[in-house]
């Protein structure tokens, strides 16, 4: 279905944020925990 999900349990007030989905292509130097490693972004959804 070309989908990725994030199941969030035991939510805390500090989890409040705009959540963004992102997609990255392969890059040998990428860490994939840095936002700059991702080329494509969704519009975000408020939690």
ModelCIF file with pLDDT and N, C-alpha, C, O atoms, coordinates in Angstrom:
data_MODEL
#
_entry.id   MODEL 
#
_entity.id                         1 
_entity.type                       polymer 
_entity.pdbx_number_of_molecules   1 
#
_entity_poly.entity_id                      1 
_entity_poly.type                           'polypeptide(L)' 
_entity_poly.nstd_linkage                   no 
_entity_poly.nstd_monomer                   no 
_entity_poly.pdbx_seq_one_letter_code       
;(UNK)(UNK)(UNK)(UNK)(UNK)(UNK)(UNK)(UNK)(UNK)(UNK)(UNK)(UNK)(UNK)(UNK)(UNK)(UNK)
(UNK)(UNK)(UNK)(UNK)(UNK)(UNK)(UNK)(UNK)(UNK)(UNK)(UNK)(UNK)(UNK)(UNK)(UNK)(UNK)
(UNK)(UNK)(UNK)(UNK)(UNK)(UNK)(UNK)(UNK)(UNK)(UNK)(UNK)(UNK)(UNK)(UNK)(UNK)
;
_entity_poly.pdbx_seq_one_letter_code_can   XXXXXXXXXXXXXXXXXXXXXXXXXXXXXXXXXXXXXXXXXXXXXXX 
_entity_poly.pdbx_strand_id                 A 
#
loop_
_entity_poly_seq.entity_id 
_entity_poly_seq.num 
_entity_poly_seq.mon_id 
_entity_poly_seq.hetero 
1 1  UNK n 
1 2  UNK n 
1 3  UNK n 
1 4  UNK n 
1 5  UNK n 
1 6  UNK n 
1 7  UNK n 
1 8  UNK n 
1 9  UNK n 
1 10 UNK n 
1 11 UNK n 
1 12 UNK n 
1 13 UNK n 
1 14 UNK n 
1 15 UNK n 
1 16 UNK n 
1 17 UNK n 
1 18 UNK n 
1 19 UNK n 
1 20 UNK n 
1 21 UNK n 
1 22 UNK n 
1 23 UNK n 
1 24 UNK n 
1 25 UNK n 
1 26 UNK n 
1 27 UNK n 
1 28 UNK n 
1 29 UNK n 
1 30 UNK n 
1 31 UNK n 
1 32 UNK n 
1 33 UNK n 
1 34 UNK n 
1 35 UNK n 
1 36 UNK n 
1 37 UNK n 
1 38 UNK n 
1 39 UNK n 
1 40 UNK n 
1 41 UNK n 
1 42 UNK n 
1 43 UNK n 
1 44 UNK n 
1 45 UNK n 
1 46 UNK n 
1 47 UNK n 
#
_struct_asym.id          A 
_struct_asym.entity_id   1 
#
loop_
_ma_qa_metric.id 
_ma_qa_metric.mode 
_ma_qa_metric.name 
_ma_qa_metric.software_group_id 
_ma_qa_metric.type 
1 global pLDDT . pLDDT 
2 local  pLDDT . pLDDT 
#
_ma_qa_metric_global.metric_id      1 
_ma_qa_metric_global.metric_value   95.53 
_ma_qa_metric_global.model_id       1 
_ma_qa_metric_global.ordinal_id     1 
#
loop_
_ma_qa_metric_local.label_asym_id 
_ma_qa_metric_local.label_comp_id 
_ma_qa_metric_local.label_seq_id 
_ma_qa_metric_local.metric_id 
_ma_qa_metric_local.metric_value 
_ma_qa_metric_local.model_id 
_ma_qa_metric_local.ordinal_id 
A UNK 1  2 95.00 1 1  
A UNK 2  2 95.00 1 2  
A UNK 3  2 97.00 1 3  
A UNK 4  2 97.00 1 4  
A UNK 5  2 98.00 1 5  
A UNK 6  2 98.00 1 6  
A UNK 7  2 98.00 1 7  
A UNK 8  2 98.00 1 8  
A UNK 9  2 98.00 1 9  
A UNK 10 2 98.00 1 10 
A UNK 11 2 98.00 1 11 
A UNK 12 2 97.00 1 12 
A UNK 13 2 97.00 1 13 
A UNK 14 2 96.00 1 14 
A UNK 15 2 98.00 1 15 
A UNK 16 2 97.00 1 16 
A UNK 17 2 98.00 1 17 
A UNK 18 2 98.00 1 18 
A UNK 19 2 98.00 1 19 
A UNK 20 2 98.00 1 20 
A UNK 21 2 98.00 1 21 
A UNK 22 2 98.00 1 22 
A UNK 23 2 97.00 1 23 
A UNK 24 2 96.00 1 24 
A UNK 25 2 95.00 1 25 
A UNK 26 2 92.00 1 26 
A UNK 27 2 89.00 1 27 
A UNK 28 2 89.00 1 28 
A UNK 29 2 86.00 1 29 
A UNK 30 2 88.00 1 30 
A UNK 31 2 86.00 1 31 
A UNK 32 2 94.00 1 32 
A UNK 33 2 93.00 1 33 
A UNK 34 2 94.00 1 34 
A UNK 35 2 91.00 1 35 
A UNK 36 2 93.00 1 36 
A UNK 37 2 95.00 1 37 
A UNK 38 2 97.00 1 38 
A UNK 39 2 96.00 1 39 
A UNK 40 2 97.00 1 40 
A UNK 41 2 98.00 1 41 
A UNK 42 2 97.00 1 42 
A UNK 43 2 96.00 1 43 
A UNK 44 2 96.00 1 44 
A UNK 45 2 97.00 1 45 
A UNK 46 2 97.00 1 46 
A UNK 47 2 98.00 1 47 
#
loop_
_atom_site.group_PDB 
_atom_site.id 
_atom_site.type_symbol 
_atom_site.label_atom_id 
_atom_site.label_alt_id 
_atom_site.label_comp_id 
_atom_site.label_asym_id 
_atom_site.label_entity_id 
_atom_site.label_seq_id 
_atom_site.pdbx_PDB_ins_code 
_atom_site.Cartn_x 
_atom_site.Cartn_y 
_atom_site.Cartn_z 
_atom_site.occupancy 
_atom_site.B_iso_or_equiv 
_atom_site.pdbx_formal_charge 
_atom_site.auth_seq_id 
_atom_site.auth_comp_id 
_atom_site.auth_asym_id 
_atom_site.auth_atom_id 
_atom_site.pdbx_PDB_model_num 
ATOM 1   N N  . UNK A 1 1  ? 0.812  -1.218 0.000  1.00 95.00 ? 1  UNK A N  1 
ATOM 2   C CA . UNK A 1 1  ? 0.000  0.000  0.000  1.00 95.00 ? 1  UNK A CA 1 
ATOM 3   C C  . UNK A 1 1  ? 0.844  1.266  0.000  1.00 95.00 ? 1  UNK A C  1 
ATOM 4   O O  . UNK A 1 1  ? 0.307  2.374  0.026  1.00 95.00 ? 1  UNK A O  1 
ATOM 5   N N  . UNK A 1 2  ? 2.162  1.105  -0.029 1.00 95.00 ? 2  UNK A N  1 
ATOM 6   C CA . UNK A 1 2  ? 3.077  2.260  -0.005 1.00 95.00 ? 2  UNK A CA 1 
ATOM 7   C C  . UNK A 1 2  ? 2.785  3.178  1.185  1.00 95.00 ? 2  UNK A C  1 
ATOM 8   O O  . UNK A 1 2  ? 2.702  4.397  1.037  1.00 95.00 ? 2  UNK A O  1 
ATOM 9   N N  . UNK A 1 3  ? 2.635  2.584  2.342  1.00 97.00 ? 3  UNK A N  1 
ATOM 10  C CA . UNK A 1 3  ? 2.357  3.369  3.538  1.00 97.00 ? 3  UNK A CA 1 
ATOM 11  C C  . UNK A 1 3  ? 3.333  3.026  4.667  1.00 97.00 ? 3  UNK A C  1 
ATOM 12  O O  . UNK A 1 3  ? 3.854  1.914  4.752  1.00 97.00 ? 3  UNK A O  1 
ATOM 13  N N  . UNK A 1 4  ? 3.555  3.994  5.505  1.00 97.00 ? 4  UNK A N  1 
ATOM 14  C CA . UNK A 1 4  ? 4.319  3.832  6.737  1.00 97.00 ? 4  UNK A CA 1 
ATOM 15  C C  . UNK A 1 4  ? 3.449  4.360  7.869  1.00 97.00 ? 4  UNK A C  1 
ATOM 16  O O  . UNK A 1 4  ? 2.798  5.397  7.738  1.00 97.00 ? 4  UNK A O  1 
ATOM 17  N N  . UNK A 1 5  ? 3.447  3.638  8.971  1.00 98.00 ? 5  UNK A N  1 
ATOM 18  C CA . UNK A 1 5  ? 2.625  4.033  10.107 1.00 98.00 ? 5  UNK A CA 1 
ATOM 19  C C  . UNK A 1 5  ? 3.479  4.219  11.347 1.00 98.00 ? 5  UNK A C  1 
ATOM 20  O O  . UNK A 1 5  ? 4.569  3.661  11.468 1.00 98.00 ? 5  UNK A O  1 
ATOM 21  N N  . UNK A 1 6  ? 2.959  5.012  12.256 1.00 98.00 ? 6  UNK A N  1 
ATOM 22  C CA . UNK A 1 6  ? 3.610  5.226  13.544 1.00 98.00 ? 6  UNK A CA 1 
ATOM 23  C C  . UNK A 1 6  ? 2.544  5.048  14.616 1.00 98.00 ? 6  UNK A C  1 
ATOM 24  O O  . UNK A 1 6  ? 1.676  5.903  14.790 1.00 98.00 ? 6  UNK A O  1 
ATOM 25  N N  . UNK A 1 7  ? 2.615  3.947  15.320 1.00 98.00 ? 7  UNK A N  1 
ATOM 26  C CA . UNK A 1 7  ? 1.713  3.689  16.436 1.00 98.00 ? 7  UNK A CA 1 
ATOM 27  C C  . UNK A 1 7  ? 2.317  4.299  17.684 1.00 98.00 ? 7  UNK A C  1 
ATOM 28  O O  . UNK A 1 7  ? 3.428  3.953  18.086 1.00 98.00 ? 7  UNK A O  1 
ATOM 29  N N  . UNK A 1 8  ? 1.571  5.213  18.294 1.00 98.00 ? 8  UNK A N  1 
ATOM 30  C CA . UNK A 1 8  ? 2.078  5.946  19.453 1.00 98.00 ? 8  UNK A CA 1 
ATOM 31  C C  . UNK A 1 8  ? 1.226  5.595  20.669 1.00 98.00 ? 8  UNK A C  1 
ATOM 32  O O  . UNK A 1 8  ? 0.033  5.895  20.716 1.00 98.00 ? 8  UNK A O  1 
ATOM 33  N N  . UNK A 1 9  ? 1.850  4.965  21.638 1.00 98.00 ? 9  UNK A N  1 
ATOM 34  C CA . UNK A 1 9  ? 1.168  4.572  22.869 1.00 98.00 ? 9  UNK A CA 1 
ATOM 35  C C  . UNK A 1 9  ? 1.760  5.316  24.058 1.00 98.00 ? 9  UNK A C  1 
ATOM 36  O O  . UNK A 1 9  ? 2.846  5.888  23.971 1.00 98.00 ? 9  UNK A O  1 
ATOM 37  N N  . UNK A 1 10 ? 1.042  5.300  25.151 1.00 98.00 ? 10 UNK A N  1 
ATOM 38  C CA . UNK A 1 10 ? 1.507  5.945  26.386 1.00 98.00 ? 10 UNK A CA 1 
ATOM 39  C C  . UNK A 1 10 ? 1.984  7.371  26.103 1.00 98.00 ? 10 UNK A C  1 
ATOM 40  O O  . UNK A 1 10 ? 3.067  7.773  26.527 1.00 98.00 ? 10 UNK A O  1 
ATOM 41  N N  . UNK A 1 11 ? 1.174  8.108  25.397 1.00 98.00 ? 11 UNK A N  1 
ATOM 42  C CA . UNK A 1 11 ? 1.564  9.453  24.996 1.00 98.00 ? 11 UNK A CA 1 
ATOM 43  C C  . UNK A 1 11 ? 1.704  10.380 26.191 1.00 98.00 ? 11 UNK A C  1 
ATOM 44  O O  . UNK A 1 11 ? 0.980  10.275 27.180 1.00 98.00 ? 11 UNK A O  1 
ATOM 45  N N  . UNK A 1 12 ? 2.657  11.288 26.066 1.00 97.00 ? 12 UNK A N  1 
ATOM 46  C CA . UNK A 1 12 ? 2.962  12.256 27.110 1.00 97.00 ? 12 UNK A CA 1 
ATOM 47  C C  . UNK A 1 12 ? 2.766  13.662 26.552 1.00 97.00 ? 12 UNK A C  1 
ATOM 48  O O  . UNK A 1 12 ? 2.829  13.861 25.339 1.00 97.00 ? 12 UNK A O  1 
ATOM 49  N N  . UNK A 1 13 ? 2.529  14.633 27.423 1.00 97.00 ? 13 UNK A N  1 
ATOM 50  C CA . UNK A 1 13 ? 2.396  16.018 26.925 1.00 97.00 ? 13 UNK A CA 1 
ATOM 51  C C  . UNK A 1 13 ? 3.612  16.470 26.126 1.00 97.00 ? 13 UNK A C  1 
ATOM 52  O O  . UNK A 1 13 ? 3.477  17.257 25.189 1.00 97.00 ? 13 UNK A O  1 
ATOM 53  N N  . UNK A 1 14 ? 4.780  15.989 26.481 1.00 96.00 ? 14 UNK A N  1 
ATOM 54  C CA . UNK A 1 14 ? 5.994  16.387 25.743 1.00 96.00 ? 14 UNK A CA 1 
ATOM 55  C C  . UNK A 1 14 ? 6.063  15.776 24.348 1.00 96.00 ? 14 UNK A C  1 
ATOM 56  O O  . UNK A 1 14 ? 6.959  16.117 23.577 1.00 96.00 ? 14 UNK A O  1 
ATOM 57  N N  . UNK A 1 15 ? 5.145  14.888 24.009 1.00 98.00 ? 15 UNK A N  1 
ATOM 58  C CA . UNK A 1 15 ? 5.062  14.367 22.640 1.00 98.00 ? 15 UNK A CA 1 
ATOM 59  C C  . UNK A 1 15 ? 4.304  15.321 21.717 1.00 98.00 ? 15 UNK A C  1 
ATOM 60  O O  . UNK A 1 15 ? 4.251  15.103 20.506 1.00 98.00 ? 15 UNK A O  1 
ATOM 61  N N  . UNK A 1 16 ? 3.726  16.362 22.277 1.00 97.00 ? 16 UNK A N  1 
ATOM 62  C CA . UNK A 1 16 ? 2.989  17.334 21.478 1.00 97.00 ? 16 UNK A CA 1 
ATOM 63  C C  . UNK A 1 16 ? 3.910  18.004 20.466 1.00 97.00 ? 16 UNK A C  1 
ATOM 64  O O  . UNK A 1 16 ? 4.943  18.571 20.824 1.00 97.00 ? 16 UNK A O  1 
ATOM 65  N N  . UNK A 1 17 ? 3.517  17.928 19.198 1.00 98.00 ? 17 UNK A N  1 
ATOM 66  C CA . UNK A 1 17 ? 4.342  18.476 18.117 1.00 98.00 ? 17 UNK A CA 1 
ATOM 67  C C  . UNK A 1 17 ? 3.608  18.283 16.795 1.00 98.00 ? 17 UNK A C  1 
ATOM 68  O O  . UNK A 1 17 ? 2.584  17.603 16.723 1.00 98.00 ? 17 UNK A O  1 
ATOM 69  N N  . UNK A 1 18 ? 4.150  18.887 15.771 1.00 98.00 ? 18 UNK A N  1 
ATOM 70  C CA . UNK A 1 18 ? 3.753  18.546 14.404 1.00 98.00 ? 18 UNK A CA 1 
ATOM 71  C C  . UNK A 1 18 ? 4.641  17.385 13.969 1.00 98.00 ? 18 UNK A C  1 
ATOM 72  O O  . UNK A 1 18 ? 5.867  17.459 14.056 1.00 98.00 ? 18 UNK A O  1 
ATOM 73  N N  . UNK A 1 19 ? 4.016  16.329 13.507 1.00 98.00 ? 19 UNK A N  1 
ATOM 74  C CA . UNK A 1 19 ? 4.748  15.138 13.093 1.00 98.00 ? 19 UNK A CA 1 
ATOM 75  C C  . UNK A 1 19 ? 4.832  15.097 11.577 1.00 98.00 ? 19 UNK A C  1 
ATOM 76  O O  . UNK A 1 19 ? 3.836  15.271 10.875 1.00 98.00 ? 19 UNK A O  1 
ATOM 77  N N  . UNK A 1 20 ? 6.039  14.862 11.091 1.00 98.00 ? 20 UNK A N  1 
ATOM 78  C CA . UNK A 1 20 ? 6.304  14.831 9.652  1.00 98.00 ? 20 UNK A CA 1 
ATOM 79  C C  . UNK A 1 20 ? 6.784  13.458 9.224  1.00 98.00 ? 20 UNK A C  1 
ATOM 80  O O  . UNK A 1 20 ? 7.603  12.826 9.891  1.00 98.00 ? 20 UNK A O  1 
ATOM 81  N N  . UNK A 1 21 ? 6.262  13.021 8.114  1.00 98.00 ? 21 UNK A N  1 
ATOM 82  C CA . UNK A 1 21 ? 6.746  11.823 7.447  1.00 98.00 ? 21 UNK A CA 1 
ATOM 83  C C  . UNK A 1 21 ? 7.792  12.265 6.425  1.00 98.00 ? 21 UNK A C  1 
ATOM 84  O O  . UNK A 1 21 ? 7.648  13.314 5.797  1.00 98.00 ? 21 UNK A O  1 
ATOM 85  N N  . UNK A 1 22 ? 8.846  11.463 6.260  1.00 98.00 ? 22 UNK A N  1 
ATOM 86  C CA . UNK A 1 22 ? 9.901  11.822 5.327  1.00 98.00 ? 22 UNK A CA 1 
ATOM 87  C C  . UNK A 1 22 ? 10.429 10.575 4.624  1.00 98.00 ? 22 UNK A C  1 
ATOM 88  O O  . UNK A 1 22 ? 10.405 9.472  5.169  1.00 98.00 ? 22 UNK A O  1 
ATOM 89  N N  . UNK A 1 23 ? 10.902 10.783 3.404  1.00 97.00 ? 23 UNK A N  1 
ATOM 90  C CA . UNK A 1 23 ? 11.468 9.693  2.616  1.00 97.00 ? 23 UNK A CA 1 
ATOM 91  C C  . UNK A 1 23 ? 12.871 10.050 2.175  1.00 97.00 ? 23 UNK A C  1 
ATOM 92  O O  . UNK A 1 23 ? 13.147 11.186 1.789  1.00 97.00 ? 23 UNK A O  1 
ATOM 93  N N  . UNK A 1 24 ? 13.752 9.069  2.237  1.00 96.00 ? 24 UNK A N  1 
ATOM 94  C CA . UNK A 1 24 ? 15.136 9.284  1.845  1.00 96.00 ? 24 UNK A CA 1 
ATOM 95  C C  . UNK A 1 24 ? 15.527 8.289  0.765  1.00 96.00 ? 24 UNK A C  1 
ATOM 96  O O  . UNK A 1 24 ? 15.090 7.138  0.778  1.00 96.00 ? 24 UNK A O  1 
ATOM 97  N N  . UNK A 1 25 ? 16.346 8.736  -0.159 1.00 95.00 ? 25 UNK A N  1 
ATOM 98  C CA . UNK A 1 25 ? 16.964 7.842  -1.134 1.00 95.00 ? 25 UNK A CA 1 
ATOM 99  C C  . UNK A 1 25 ? 18.300 7.400  -0.562 1.00 95.00 ? 25 UNK A C  1 
ATOM 100 O O  . UNK A 1 25 ? 18.777 7.950  0.431  1.00 95.00 ? 25 UNK A O  1 
ATOM 101 N N  . UNK A 1 26 ? 18.907 6.386  -1.206 1.00 92.00 ? 26 UNK A N  1 
ATOM 102 C CA . UNK A 1 26 ? 20.158 5.867  -0.686 1.00 92.00 ? 26 UNK A CA 1 
ATOM 103 C C  . UNK A 1 26 ? 21.274 6.905  -0.813 1.00 92.00 ? 26 UNK A C  1 
ATOM 104 O O  . UNK A 1 26 ? 21.428 7.558  -1.845 1.00 92.00 ? 26 UNK A O  1 
ATOM 105 N N  . UNK A 1 27 ? 22.044 7.033  0.267  1.00 89.00 ? 27 UNK A N  1 
ATOM 106 C CA . UNK A 1 27 ? 23.214 7.897  0.294  1.00 89.00 ? 27 UNK A CA 1 
ATOM 107 C C  . UNK A 1 27 ? 24.214 7.249  1.227  1.00 89.00 ? 27 UNK A C  1 
ATOM 108 O O  . UNK A 1 27 ? 23.928 7.047  2.407  1.00 89.00 ? 27 UNK A O  1 
ATOM 109 N N  . UNK A 1 28 ? 25.382 6.924  0.708  1.00 89.00 ? 28 UNK A N  1 
ATOM 110 C CA . UNK A 1 28 ? 26.365 6.179  1.492  1.00 89.00 ? 28 UNK A CA 1 
ATOM 111 C C  . UNK A 1 28 ? 26.784 6.936  2.751  1.00 89.00 ? 28 UNK A C  1 
ATOM 112 O O  . UNK A 1 28 ? 27.186 6.321  3.739  1.00 89.00 ? 28 UNK A O  1 
ATOM 113 N N  . UNK A 1 29 ? 26.693 8.254  2.721  1.00 86.00 ? 29 UNK A N  1 
ATOM 114 C CA . UNK A 1 29 ? 27.110 9.037  3.872  1.00 86.00 ? 29 UNK A CA 1 
ATOM 115 C C  . UNK A 1 29 ? 25.994 9.427  4.817  1.00 86.00 ? 29 UNK A C  1 
ATOM 116 O O  . UNK A 1 29 ? 26.219 10.150 5.787  1.00 86.00 ? 29 UNK A O  1 
ATOM 117 N N  . UNK A 1 30 ? 24.792 8.951  4.539  1.00 88.00 ? 30 UNK A N  1 
ATOM 118 C CA . UNK A 1 30 ? 23.638 9.374  5.337  1.00 88.00 ? 30 UNK A CA 1 
ATOM 119 C C  . UNK A 1 30 ? 23.542 8.603  6.639  1.00 88.00 ? 30 UNK A C  1 
ATOM 120 O O  . UNK A 1 30 ? 23.919 7.435  6.730  1.00 88.00 ? 30 UNK A O  1 
ATOM 121 N N  . UNK A 1 31 ? 23.027 9.290  7.637  1.00 86.00 ? 31 UNK A N  1 
ATOM 122 C CA . UNK A 1 31 ? 22.793 8.679  8.937  1.00 86.00 ? 31 UNK A CA 1 
ATOM 123 C C  . UNK A 1 31 ? 21.331 8.272  9.085  1.00 86.00 ? 31 UNK A C  1 
ATOM 124 O O  . UNK A 1 31 ? 21.005 7.337  9.817  1.00 86.00 ? 31 UNK A O  1 
ATOM 125 N N  . UNK A 1 32 ? 20.476 8.971  8.398  1.00 94.00 ? 32 UNK A N  1 
ATOM 126 C CA . UNK A 1 32 ? 19.027 8.752  8.391  1.00 94.00 ? 32 UNK A CA 1 
ATOM 127 C C  . UNK A 1 32 ? 18.379 9.039  9.744  1.00 94.00 ? 32 UNK A C  1 
ATOM 128 O O  . UNK A 1 32 ? 17.234 8.652  9.979  1.00 94.00 ? 32 UNK A O  1 
ATOM 129 N N  . UNK A 1 33 ? 19.102 9.714  10.629 1.00 93.00 ? 33 UNK A N  1 
ATOM 130 C CA . UNK A 1 33 ? 18.507 10.269 11.840 1.00 93.00 ? 33 UNK A CA 1 
ATOM 131 C C  . UNK A 1 33 ? 18.590 11.787 11.815 1.00 93.00 ? 33 UNK A C  1 
ATOM 132 O O  . UNK A 1 33 ? 18.231 12.453 12.786 1.00 93.00 ? 33 UNK A O  1 
ATOM 133 N N  . UNK A 1 34 ? 19.063 12.324 10.704 1.00 94.00 ? 34 UNK A N  1 
ATOM 134 C CA . UNK A 1 34 ? 19.169 13.766 10.510 1.00 94.00 ? 34 UNK A CA 1 
ATOM 135 C C  . UNK A 1 34 ? 18.156 14.189 9.460  1.00 94.00 ? 34 UNK A C  1 
ATOM 136 O O  . UNK A 1 34 ? 17.976 13.520 8.442  1.00 94.00 ? 34 UNK A O  1 
ATOM 137 N N  . UNK A 1 35 ? 17.506 15.296 9.722  1.00 91.00 ? 35 UNK A N  1 
ATOM 138 C CA . UNK A 1 35 ? 16.464 15.708 8.782  1.00 91.00 ? 35 UNK A CA 1 
ATOM 139 C C  . UNK A 1 35 ? 17.050 16.018 7.418  1.00 91.00 ? 35 UNK A C  1 
ATOM 140 O O  . UNK A 1 35 ? 16.352 15.890 6.412  1.00 91.00 ? 35 UNK A O  1 
ATOM 141 N N  . UNK A 1 36 ? 18.308 16.420 7.354  1.00 93.00 ? 36 UNK A N  1 
ATOM 142 C CA . UNK A 1 36 ? 18.894 16.778 6.057  1.00 93.00 ? 36 UNK A CA 1 
ATOM 143 C C  . UNK A 1 36 ? 19.182 15.555 5.188  1.00 93.00 ? 36 UNK A C  1 
ATOM 144 O O  . UNK A 1 36 ? 19.510 15.699 4.010  1.00 93.00 ? 36 UNK A O  1 
ATOM 145 N N  . UNK A 1 37 ? 19.063 14.369 5.748  1.00 95.00 ? 37 UNK A N  1 
ATOM 146 C CA . UNK A 1 37 ? 19.262 13.151 4.956  1.00 95.00 ? 37 UNK A CA 1 
ATOM 147 C C  . UNK A 1 37 ? 18.014 12.763 4.175  1.00 95.00 ? 37 UNK A C  1 
ATOM 148 O O  . UNK A 1 37 ? 18.040 11.821 3.382  1.00 95.00 ? 37 UNK A O  1 
ATOM 149 N N  . UNK A 1 38 ? 16.926 13.486 4.398  1.00 97.00 ? 38 UNK A N  1 
ATOM 150 C CA . UNK A 1 38 ? 15.656 13.156 3.763  1.00 97.00 ? 38 UNK A CA 1 
ATOM 151 C C  . UNK A 1 38 ? 15.312 14.186 2.698  1.00 97.00 ? 38 UNK A C  1 
ATOM 152 O O  . UNK A 1 38 ? 15.358 15.393 2.938  1.00 97.00 ? 38 UNK A O  1 
ATOM 153 N N  . UNK A 1 39 ? 14.967 13.687 1.518  1.00 96.00 ? 39 UNK A N  1 
ATOM 154 C CA . UNK A 1 39 ? 14.706 14.576 0.382  1.00 96.00 ? 39 UNK A CA 1 
ATOM 155 C C  . UNK A 1 39 ? 13.236 14.963 0.259  1.00 96.00 ? 39 UNK A C  1 
ATOM 156 O O  . UNK A 1 39 ? 12.908 16.012 -0.295 1.00 96.00 ? 39 UNK A O  1 
ATOM 157 N N  . UNK A 1 40 ? 12.369 14.123 0.769  1.00 97.00 ? 40 UNK A N  1 
ATOM 158 C CA . UNK A 1 40 ? 10.938 14.340 0.567  1.00 97.00 ? 40 UNK A CA 1 
ATOM 159 C C  . UNK A 1 40 ? 10.230 14.387 1.916  1.00 97.00 ? 40 UNK A C  1 
ATOM 160 O O  . UNK A 1 40 ? 10.541 13.630 2.836  1.00 97.00 ? 40 UNK A O  1 
ATOM 161 N N  . UNK A 1 41 ? 9.266  15.306 2.001  1.00 98.00 ? 41 UNK A N  1 
ATOM 162 C CA . UNK A 1 41 ? 8.568  15.545 3.263  1.00 98.00 ? 41 UNK A CA 1 
ATOM 163 C C  . UNK A 1 41 ? 7.073  15.694 3.032  1.00 98.00 ? 41 UNK A C  1 
ATOM 164 O O  . UNK A 1 41 ? 6.625  16.217 2.012  1.00 98.00 ? 41 UNK A O  1 
ATOM 165 N N  . UNK A 1 42 ? 6.322  15.217 4.010  1.00 97.00 ? 42 UNK A N  1 
ATOM 166 C CA . UNK A 1 42 ? 4.903  15.468 3.999  1.00 97.00 ? 42 UNK A CA 1 
ATOM 167 C C  . UNK A 1 42 ? 4.606  16.843 4.582  1.00 97.00 ? 42 UNK A C  1 
ATOM 168 O O  . UNK A 1 42 ? 5.515  17.578 4.969  1.00 97.00 ? 42 UNK A O  1 
ATOM 169 N N  . UNK A 1 43 ? 3.326  17.175 4.638  1.00 96.00 ? 43 UNK A N  1 
ATOM 170 C CA . UNK A 1 43 ? 2.924  18.506 5.098  1.00 96.00 ? 43 UNK A CA 1 
ATOM 171 C C  . UNK A 1 43 ? 2.850  18.596 6.614  1.00 96.00 ? 43 UNK A C  1 
ATOM 172 O O  . UNK A 1 43 ? 2.763  19.692 7.167  1.00 96.00 ? 43 UNK A O  1 
ATOM 173 N N  . UNK A 1 44 ? 2.884  17.461 7.283  1.00 96.00 ? 44 UNK A N  1 
ATOM 174 C CA . UNK A 1 44 ? 2.842  17.440 8.735  1.00 96.00 ? 44 UNK A CA 1 
ATOM 175 C C  . UNK A 1 44 ? 1.433  17.262 9.276  1.00 96.00 ? 44 UNK A C  1 
ATOM 176 O O  . UNK A 1 44 ? 0.456  17.662 8.644  1.00 96.00 ? 44 UNK A O  1 
ATOM 177 N N  . UNK A 1 45 ? 1.342  16.659 10.453 1.00 97.00 ? 45 UNK A N  1 
ATOM 178 C CA . UNK A 1 45 ? 0.059  16.479 11.120 1.00 97.00 ? 45 UNK A CA 1 
ATOM 179 C C  . UNK A 1 45 ? 0.246  16.766 12.606 1.00 97.00 ? 45 UNK A C  1 
ATOM 180 O O  . UNK A 1 45 ? 1.210  16.313 13.223 1.00 97.00 ? 45 UNK A O  1 
ATOM 181 N N  . UNK A 1 46 ? -0.687 17.521 13.164 1.00 97.00 ? 46 UNK A N  1 
ATOM 182 C CA . UNK A 1 46 ? -0.562 17.969 14.552 1.00 97.00 ? 46 UNK A CA 1 
ATOM 183 C C  . UNK A 1 46 ? -0.977 16.868 15.512 1.00 97.00 ? 46 UNK A C  1 
ATOM 184 O O  . UNK A 1 46 ? -2.022 16.237 15.351 1.00 97.00 ? 46 UNK A O  1 
ATOM 185 N N  . UNK A 1 47 ? -0.136 16.653 16.511 1.00 98.00 ? 47 UNK A N  1 
ATOM 186 C CA . UNK A 1 47 ? -0.456 15.757 17.623 1.00 98.00 ? 47 UNK A CA 1 
ATOM 187 C C  . UNK A 1 47 ? -0.394 16.582 18.897 1.00 98.00 ? 47 UNK A C  1 
ATOM 188 O O  . UNK A 1 47 ? -0.627 16.056 19.985 1.00 98.00 ? 47 UNK A O  1 
#
